[in-house]
Amino acid sequence: MLERLGCDGLIRALLTDPDGNPLHLGRRRRQPGQRLRDAVYLRDQGCCQYPGCGHTRWLHLHHLTWRGRGGDTDIDRLLLLCSSHHRAVHDDDISLGRDADGTVTARTVDGRVLVGAPPVLPGPEPAGILARATRHVDAAAIRTRVWMVMAGGRRRRASSPRQGSPARGTGPGTRW
């Protein structure tokens, strides 16, 4: 939770010697300035850099190495993420890295590399095409999110059940 707050928070570090004399005062703002933001948008061509995503709206700048783990606010340490993937990176503890050729790689905590789903073009059997294209993926590796439909048709992401606790909404008398 602290890392997520630190992603958007404003913190300024003051390094002192044993007598309390200031030695180094960190950046006033950890957020990139407008010029750096423009440079990242140009480099990333205004698209989400998460593997397989191409969203061009609701983009956020994200530090490849989180600020709390020693990440700097430099162009080579920043990339664009859409709101959904920015949330997923923080909530699911996914680490992102940029290869020498500029390709962004997403890894889970256990080291699995996440890749984008193959495109499925509309046709006579889109579900069959997707099933054939992903048949090499183990069913245990697929994780989906549960959405609840609220009054008025609004959707809300249901909280994931904690390990060791029964899944929510599976007992008798549940409505969703």
Protein backbone atom coordinates (compact mmCIF):
# COMPACT_ATOMS: atom_id res chain seq x y z
CA MET A 1 0.00 0.00 0.00
CA LEU A 2 2.86 2.39 0.79
CA GLU A 3 4.40 1.85 -2.65
CA ARG A 4 1.10 2.73 -4.30
CA LEU A 5 0.79 5.90 -2.25
CA GLY A 6 4.42 6.70 -2.97
CA CYS A 7 3.79 6.47 -6.69
CA ASP A 8 1.61 9.59 -6.60
CA GLY A 9 2.78 11.25 -3.37
CA LEU A 10 5.13 14.18 -3.00
CA ILE A 11 8.07 13.35 -0.76
CA ARG A 12 11.30 15.29 -0.33
CA ALA A 13 14.23 13.60 1.40
CA LEU A 14 16.78 15.47 3.49
CA LEU A 15 20.11 13.76 4.10
CA THR A 16 21.94 15.00 7.20
CA ASP A 17 25.24 14.25 8.91
CA PRO A 18 25.33 12.88 12.51
CA ASP A 19 25.13 16.45 13.87
CA GLY A 20 21.93 17.21 11.92
CA ASN A 21 23.56 19.45 9.30
CA PRO A 22 21.89 19.12 5.89
CA LEU A 23 24.09 17.40 3.28
CA HIS A 24 21.68 16.82 0.42
CA LEU A 25 18.11 17.91 -0.21
CA GLY A 26 16.26 15.72 -2.71
CA ARG A 27 14.11 16.91 -5.57
CA ARG A 28 11.20 19.09 -4.62
CA ARG A 29 8.96 17.24 -7.04
CA ARG A 30 9.19 13.59 -7.87
CA GLN A 31 6.74 14.02 -10.70
CA PRO A 32 8.39 14.80 -14.05
CA GLY A 33 8.15 18.31 -15.42
CA GLN A 34 6.24 19.15 -18.60
CA ARG A 35 9.29 18.79 -20.89
CA LEU A 36 10.12 15.33 -19.57
CA ARG A 37 6.46 14.32 -19.78
CA ASP A 38 6.33 15.49 -23.42
CA ALA A 39 9.51 13.55 -24.22
CA VAL A 40 8.05 10.33 -22.76
CA TYR A 41 4.81 10.83 -24.73
CA LEU A 42 6.81 11.28 -27.94
CA ARG A 43 9.02 8.25 -27.31
CA ASP A 44 6.05 6.00 -26.39
CA GLN A 45 3.98 7.46 -29.25
CA GLY A 46 1.11 8.29 -26.87
CA CYS A 47 0.28 4.60 -26.25
CA CYS A 48 0.20 2.38 -23.18
CA GLN A 49 3.47 0.41 -23.09
CA TYR A 50 2.11 -2.62 -21.22
CA PRO A 51 2.66 -5.72 -23.39
CA GLY A 52 -0.31 -6.21 -25.72
CA CYS A 53 -2.02 -2.92 -24.89
CA GLY A 54 -2.39 0.02 -27.23
CA HIS A 55 -4.69 2.35 -25.31
CA THR A 56 -4.18 6.01 -26.07
CA ARG A 57 -6.44 7.54 -23.40
CA TRP A 58 -6.20 7.86 -19.61
CA LEU A 59 -2.42 7.45 -19.65
CA HIS A 60 -0.18 7.79 -16.60
CA LEU A 61 3.57 8.10 -16.31
CA HIS A 62 5.02 5.17 -14.35
CA HIS A 63 8.51 4.68 -12.90
CA LEU A 64 10.07 1.39 -14.08
CA THR A 65 11.94 1.24 -10.78
CA TRP A 66 9.60 2.54 -8.12
CA ARG A 67 10.71 5.62 -6.29
CA GLY A 68 10.69 3.78 -2.94
CA ARG A 69 13.11 1.22 -4.39
CA GLY A 70 15.62 3.78 -5.65
CA GLY A 71 14.08 4.72 -8.99
CA ASP A 72 14.98 8.04 -10.57
CA THR A 73 12.74 10.38 -12.52
CA ASP A 74 14.65 10.11 -15.80
CA ILE A 75 13.31 9.48 -19.30
CA ASP A 76 14.82 5.99 -19.46
CA ARG A 77 13.08 5.08 -16.18
CA LEU A 78 9.59 6.28 -17.18
CA LEU A 79 6.90 4.88 -19.45
CA LEU A 80 3.23 5.40 -20.24
CA LEU A 81 0.59 3.07 -18.79
CA CYS A 82 -3.18 3.24 -19.14
CA SER A 83 -5.21 3.45 -15.93
CA SER A 84 -6.08 -0.27 -15.94
CA HIS A 85 -2.51 -1.45 -16.33
CA HIS A 86 -1.13 1.13 -13.88
CA ARG A 87 -3.57 -0.19 -11.29
CA ALA A 88 -2.68 -3.81 -12.14
CA VAL A 89 1.05 -3.15 -11.83
CA HIS A 90 0.60 -1.79 -8.30
CA ASP A 91 -2.19 -4.09 -7.10
CA ASP A 92 -0.69 -7.32 -8.47
CA ASP A 93 2.98 -6.41 -7.82
CA ILE A 94 3.96 -6.76 -11.48
CA SER A 95 7.43 -5.50 -12.33
CA LEU A 96 8.09 -3.86 -15.67
CA GLY A 97 11.42 -3.66 -17.45
CA ARG A 98 12.63 -2.22 -20.74
CA ASP A 99 14.94 -4.41 -22.84
CA ALA A 100 17.87 -3.01 -24.86
CA ASP A 101 15.68 -2.89 -27.98
CA GLY A 102 13.01 -0.86 -26.12
CA THR A 103 10.55 -3.73 -25.63
CA VAL A 104 8.71 -3.60 -22.32
CA THR A 105 8.52 -6.86 -20.36
CA ALA A 106 6.05 -7.56 -17.54
CA ARG A 107 6.90 -10.13 -14.85
CA THR A 108 4.91 -11.49 -11.95
CA VAL A 109 6.36 -11.95 -8.47
CA ASP A 110 7.09 -15.63 -9.20
CA GLY A 111 9.06 -14.70 -12.35
CA ARG A 112 6.51 -15.52 -15.06
CA VAL A 113 6.67 -13.26 -18.11
CA LEU A 114 3.30 -11.80 -19.12
CA VAL A 115 2.72 -11.40 -22.84
CA GLY A 116 -0.10 -9.77 -24.75
CA ALA A 117 -2.91 -11.94 -26.08
CA PRO A 118 -2.80 -12.59 -29.83
CA PRO A 119 -5.22 -10.45 -31.83
CA VAL A 120 -8.53 -12.09 -32.66
CA LEU A 121 -10.13 -10.76 -35.79
CA PRO A 122 -13.90 -10.98 -36.13
CA GLY A 123 -14.81 -13.98 -38.19
CA PRO A 124 -16.91 -17.10 -38.16
CA GLU A 125 -15.40 -18.47 -34.91
CA PRO A 126 -13.56 -15.81 -32.84
CA ALA A 127 -13.74 -17.93 -29.66
CA GLY A 128 -12.34 -20.96 -31.50
CA ILE A 129 -9.51 -18.90 -32.99
CA LEU A 130 -8.57 -17.59 -29.55
CA ALA A 131 -8.74 -21.10 -28.03
CA ARG A 132 -6.41 -22.49 -30.72
CA ALA A 133 -3.99 -19.56 -30.42
CA THR A 134 -3.69 -19.98 -26.65
CA ARG A 135 -3.85 -23.77 -26.29
CA HIS A 136 -0.22 -23.84 -25.09
CA VAL A 137 -1.17 -21.79 -21.99
CA ASP A 138 -1.82 -23.84 -18.85
CA ALA A 139 -5.33 -23.22 -17.48
CA ALA A 140 -3.86 -22.67 -13.99
CA ALA A 141 -1.87 -19.69 -15.34
CA ILE A 142 -5.02 -17.81 -16.36
CA ARG A 143 -6.37 -15.40 -13.75
CA THR A 144 -9.49 -13.37 -14.29
CA ARG A 145 -11.02 -10.53 -12.35
CA VAL A 146 -14.53 -10.66 -10.96
CA TRP A 147 -16.80 -7.70 -11.66
CA MET A 148 -20.00 -6.88 -9.82
CA VAL A 149 -22.84 -5.08 -11.57
CA MET A 150 -24.16 -2.37 -9.31
CA ALA A 151 -27.51 -0.58 -9.40
CA GLY A 152 -27.86 1.53 -12.51
CA GLY A 153 -25.60 -0.77 -14.56
CA ARG A 154 -22.32 0.48 -13.09
CA ARG A 155 -19.56 -2.10 -12.77
CA ARG A 156 -17.19 -2.44 -9.84
CA ARG A 157 -14.26 -4.78 -9.46
CA ALA A 158 -14.95 -7.24 -6.67
CA SER A 159 -12.16 -7.66 -4.17
CA SER A 160 -10.14 -10.81 -4.66
CA PRO A 161 -10.51 -13.43 -1.94
CA ARG A 162 -7.46 -13.80 0.27
CA GLN A 163 -5.54 -17.03 0.23
CA GLY A 164 -6.87 -19.47 2.77
CA SER A 165 -10.30 -17.84 2.96
CA PRO A 166 -13.40 -19.08 1.17
CA ALA A 167 -14.23 -17.36 -2.08
CA ARG A 168 -16.82 -14.63 -1.74
CA GLY A 169 -20.15 -15.07 -3.39
CA THR A 170 -20.04 -18.87 -3.55
CA GLY A 171 -22.13 -19.80 -0.53
CA PRO A 172 -25.88 -20.33 -0.34
CA GLY A 173 -27.97 -17.21 -0.55
CA THR A 174 -25.44 -15.11 -2.45
CA ARG A 175 -26.85 -12.83 -5.10
CA TRP A 176 -23.85 -12.36 -7.41
